């Protein structure tokens, strides 16, 4: 019985050690990739974000906004 408990504890420690080492390697890999991305693709200047386009037509934006508003009015939930 004593041998069975020690074998179980040994297996538990090996499993926990493997999970801990995998998570540690995962953290190192994520930090490395993050530093590489920031080195080769620096952040955009302040006030810009990836979805911002310089050639956005204000008329197009107004038309899309009006269409969304009309859709929401048409398919409004009736509680």
N, C-alpha and C. Protein backbone atom coordinates (compact mmCIF):
# COMPACT_ATOMS: atom_id res chain seq x y z
N UNK A 1 0.82 -1.19 0.00
CA UNK A 1 0.00 0.00 0.00
C UNK A 1 0.87 1.26 0.00
N UNK A 2 1.95 1.23 0.78
CA UNK A 2 2.86 2.36 0.86
C UNK A 2 3.53 2.61 -0.49
N UNK A 3 3.87 1.52 -1.20
CA UNK A 3 4.50 1.63 -2.51
C UNK A 3 3.54 2.26 -3.52
N UNK A 4 2.27 1.95 -3.43
CA UNK A 4 1.25 2.48 -4.33
C UNK A 4 1.09 3.99 -4.13
N UNK A 5 1.10 4.43 -2.88
CA UNK A 5 0.97 5.87 -2.60
C UNK A 5 2.20 6.62 -3.10
N UNK A 6 3.39 6.08 -2.86
CA UNK A 6 4.60 6.76 -3.32
C UNK A 6 4.66 6.80 -4.84
N UNK A 7 4.19 5.75 -5.48
CA UNK A 7 4.13 5.75 -6.94
C UNK A 7 3.15 6.80 -7.45
N UNK A 8 2.01 6.94 -6.79
CA UNK A 8 1.03 7.97 -7.17
C UNK A 8 1.56 9.37 -6.99
N UNK A 9 2.25 9.60 -5.88
CA UNK A 9 2.84 10.92 -5.63
C UNK A 9 3.92 11.24 -6.67
N UNK A 10 4.72 10.24 -7.00
CA UNK A 10 5.76 10.44 -8.01
C UNK A 10 5.14 10.79 -9.36
N UNK A 11 4.10 10.09 -9.73
CA UNK A 11 3.42 10.36 -11.00
C UNK A 11 2.80 11.76 -10.99
N UNK A 12 2.21 12.15 -9.86
CA UNK A 12 1.62 13.48 -9.73
C UNK A 12 2.68 14.56 -9.90
N UNK A 13 3.83 14.39 -9.26
CA UNK A 13 4.90 15.40 -9.34
C UNK A 13 5.47 15.49 -10.76
N UNK A 14 5.61 14.34 -11.43
CA UNK A 14 6.10 14.36 -12.80
C UNK A 14 5.11 15.08 -13.71
N UNK A 15 3.83 14.80 -13.54
CA UNK A 15 2.81 15.46 -14.35
C UNK A 15 2.76 16.95 -14.12
N UNK A 16 2.80 17.36 -12.86
CA UNK A 16 2.78 18.78 -12.54
C UNK A 16 4.03 19.48 -13.05
N UNK A 17 5.16 18.81 -12.99
CA UNK A 17 6.41 19.38 -13.52
C UNK A 17 6.35 19.56 -15.02
N UNK A 18 5.77 18.59 -15.71
CA UNK A 18 5.66 18.71 -17.17
C UNK A 18 4.72 19.85 -17.57
N UNK A 19 3.60 19.99 -16.85
CA UNK A 19 2.68 21.09 -17.14
C UNK A 19 3.34 22.42 -16.85
N UNK A 20 4.05 22.53 -15.73
CA UNK A 20 4.73 23.77 -15.40
C UNK A 20 5.79 24.12 -16.45
N UNK A 21 6.57 23.13 -16.88
CA UNK A 21 7.61 23.41 -17.88
C UNK A 21 6.99 23.80 -19.22
N UNK A 22 5.87 23.17 -19.60
CA UNK A 22 5.21 23.54 -20.85
C UNK A 22 4.71 24.97 -20.77
N UNK A 23 4.08 25.35 -19.67
CA UNK A 23 3.58 26.72 -19.54
C UNK A 23 4.72 27.73 -19.51
N UNK A 24 5.82 27.38 -18.88
CA UNK A 24 6.98 28.28 -18.86
C UNK A 24 7.53 28.48 -20.28
N UNK A 25 7.63 27.39 -21.05
CA UNK A 25 8.10 27.50 -22.44
C UNK A 25 7.11 28.32 -23.27
N UNK A 26 5.83 28.17 -23.02
CA UNK A 26 4.82 28.93 -23.75
C UNK A 26 4.95 30.42 -23.47
N UNK A 27 5.19 30.78 -22.21
CA UNK A 27 5.36 32.19 -21.86
C UNK A 27 6.60 32.76 -22.53
N UNK A 28 7.69 32.01 -22.53
CA UNK A 28 8.92 32.47 -23.18
C UNK A 28 8.70 32.66 -24.68
N UNK A 29 8.00 31.72 -25.32
CA UNK A 29 7.73 31.82 -26.76
C UNK A 29 6.86 33.03 -27.07
N UNK A 30 5.84 33.29 -26.27
CA UNK A 30 4.97 34.43 -26.51
C UNK A 30 5.72 35.74 -26.34
N UNK A 31 6.53 35.84 -25.30
CA UNK A 31 7.31 37.07 -25.08
C UNK A 31 8.32 37.29 -26.20
N UNK A 32 8.94 36.21 -26.69
CA UNK A 32 9.90 36.32 -27.78
C UNK A 32 9.21 36.79 -29.05
N UNK A 33 8.08 36.19 -29.38
CA UNK A 33 7.35 36.60 -30.59
C UNK A 33 6.87 38.03 -30.47
N UNK A 34 6.43 38.43 -29.29
CA UNK A 34 5.98 39.80 -29.09
C UNK A 34 7.11 40.80 -29.30
N UNK A 35 8.28 40.49 -28.77
CA UNK A 35 9.41 41.41 -28.95
C UNK A 35 9.85 41.47 -30.41
N UNK A 36 9.80 40.33 -31.12
CA UNK A 36 10.16 40.34 -32.54
C UNK A 36 9.16 41.15 -33.36
N UNK A 37 7.88 41.01 -33.06
CA UNK A 37 6.85 41.76 -33.78
C UNK A 37 7.05 43.25 -33.55
N UNK A 38 7.28 43.64 -32.29
CA UNK A 38 7.45 45.06 -32.00
C UNK A 38 8.74 45.62 -32.60
N UNK A 39 9.74 44.78 -32.77
CA UNK A 39 10.99 45.25 -33.36
C UNK A 39 10.84 45.49 -34.86
N UNK A 40 10.20 44.56 -35.57
CA UNK A 40 10.12 44.66 -37.02
C UNK A 40 8.87 45.39 -37.50
N UNK A 41 7.85 45.49 -36.67
CA UNK A 41 6.62 46.21 -37.02
C UNK A 41 6.28 47.16 -35.88
N UNK A 42 6.93 48.31 -35.84
CA UNK A 42 6.70 49.22 -34.71
C UNK A 42 5.26 49.73 -34.71
N UNK A 43 4.86 50.27 -33.56
CA UNK A 43 3.49 50.77 -33.42
C UNK A 43 3.27 51.96 -34.33
N UNK A 44 2.01 52.15 -34.73
CA UNK A 44 1.65 53.28 -35.58
C UNK A 44 1.74 54.57 -34.78
N UNK A 45 1.93 55.70 -35.47
CA UNK A 45 1.95 56.98 -34.76
C UNK A 45 0.63 57.21 -34.03
N UNK A 46 0.67 58.07 -33.02
CA UNK A 46 -0.53 58.35 -32.22
C UNK A 46 -1.64 58.90 -33.10
N UNK A 47 -2.86 58.47 -32.84
CA UNK A 47 -4.01 58.95 -33.60
C UNK A 47 -4.38 58.07 -34.77
N UNK A 48 -3.58 57.08 -35.08
CA UNK A 48 -3.88 56.17 -36.18
C UNK A 48 -4.08 54.78 -35.62
N UNK A 49 -4.92 54.02 -36.29
CA UNK A 49 -5.09 52.62 -35.95
C UNK A 49 -5.26 51.85 -37.25
N UNK A 50 -5.09 50.54 -37.25
CA UNK A 50 -5.10 49.77 -38.49
C UNK A 50 -6.37 49.90 -39.31
N UNK A 51 -7.50 50.19 -38.69
CA UNK A 51 -8.75 50.29 -39.44
C UNK A 51 -8.96 51.66 -40.07
N UNK A 52 -8.07 52.60 -39.81
CA UNK A 52 -8.24 53.97 -40.31
C UNK A 52 -7.66 54.08 -41.72
N UNK A 53 -8.49 54.56 -42.63
CA UNK A 53 -8.04 54.76 -44.01
C UNK A 53 -8.01 56.26 -44.29
N UNK A 54 -7.05 56.67 -45.07
CA UNK A 54 -6.91 58.08 -45.35
C UNK A 54 -7.93 58.55 -46.38
N UNK A 55 -8.41 57.66 -47.23
CA UNK A 55 -9.30 58.06 -48.30
C UNK A 55 -10.76 57.77 -48.03
N UNK A 56 -11.19 57.71 -46.77
CA UNK A 56 -12.60 57.45 -46.47
C UNK A 56 -13.46 58.59 -46.98
N UNK A 57 -14.49 58.22 -47.72
CA UNK A 57 -15.42 59.20 -48.25
C UNK A 57 -16.50 59.43 -47.22
N UNK A 58 -16.71 60.68 -46.82
CA UNK A 58 -17.70 60.98 -45.80
C UNK A 58 -19.10 60.65 -46.27
N UNK A 59 -19.37 60.75 -47.56
CA UNK A 59 -20.68 60.39 -48.10
C UNK A 59 -20.96 58.91 -47.95
N UNK A 60 -19.94 58.10 -48.16
CA UNK A 60 -20.09 56.65 -48.00
C UNK A 60 -20.36 56.30 -46.56
N UNK A 61 -19.66 56.94 -45.65
CA UNK A 61 -19.87 56.69 -44.23
C UNK A 61 -21.29 57.10 -43.83
N UNK A 62 -21.77 58.23 -44.33
CA UNK A 62 -23.12 58.68 -44.01
C UNK A 62 -24.16 57.71 -44.57
N UNK A 63 -23.94 57.20 -45.78
CA UNK A 63 -24.88 56.27 -46.39
C UNK A 63 -24.94 54.96 -45.60
N UNK A 64 -23.80 54.47 -45.17
CA UNK A 64 -23.77 53.23 -44.39
C UNK A 64 -24.46 53.44 -43.05
N UNK A 65 -24.21 54.58 -42.42
CA UNK A 65 -24.86 54.87 -41.14
C UNK A 65 -26.37 54.94 -41.28
N UNK A 66 -26.84 55.58 -42.36
CA UNK A 66 -28.28 55.67 -42.59
C UNK A 66 -28.89 54.30 -42.85
N UNK A 67 -28.19 53.46 -43.59
CA UNK A 67 -28.69 52.11 -43.88
C UNK A 67 -28.78 51.28 -42.60
N UNK A 68 -27.79 51.38 -41.73
CA UNK A 68 -27.82 50.64 -40.48
C UNK A 68 -28.96 51.13 -39.60
N UNK A 69 -29.16 52.43 -39.54
CA UNK A 69 -30.25 52.99 -38.75
C UNK A 69 -31.60 52.52 -39.27
N UNK A 70 -31.77 52.52 -40.59
CA UNK A 70 -33.03 52.07 -41.19
C UNK A 70 -33.25 50.58 -40.90
N UNK A 71 -32.22 49.78 -40.98
CA UNK A 71 -32.33 48.35 -40.69
C UNK A 71 -32.75 48.12 -39.24
N UNK A 72 -32.14 48.87 -38.33
CA UNK A 72 -32.47 48.70 -36.91
C UNK A 72 -33.91 49.10 -36.63
N UNK A 73 -34.39 50.14 -37.31
CA UNK A 73 -35.79 50.54 -37.12
C UNK A 73 -36.74 49.48 -37.66
N UNK A 74 -36.39 48.90 -38.78
CA UNK A 74 -37.25 47.91 -39.43
C UNK A 74 -37.32 46.61 -38.64
N UNK A 75 -36.20 46.15 -38.12
CA UNK A 75 -36.14 44.87 -37.42
C UNK A 75 -35.95 45.02 -35.92
N UNK A 76 -36.55 46.06 -35.37
CA UNK A 76 -36.45 46.29 -33.93
C UNK A 76 -37.23 45.22 -33.19
N UNK A 77 -36.65 44.71 -32.08
CA UNK A 77 -37.32 43.68 -31.28
C UNK A 77 -38.55 44.28 -30.62
N UNK A 78 -39.63 43.53 -30.70
CA UNK A 78 -40.87 43.98 -30.06
C UNK A 78 -41.08 43.17 -28.81
N UNK A 79 -40.82 43.78 -27.65
CA UNK A 79 -40.95 43.07 -26.37
C UNK A 79 -42.35 43.14 -25.83
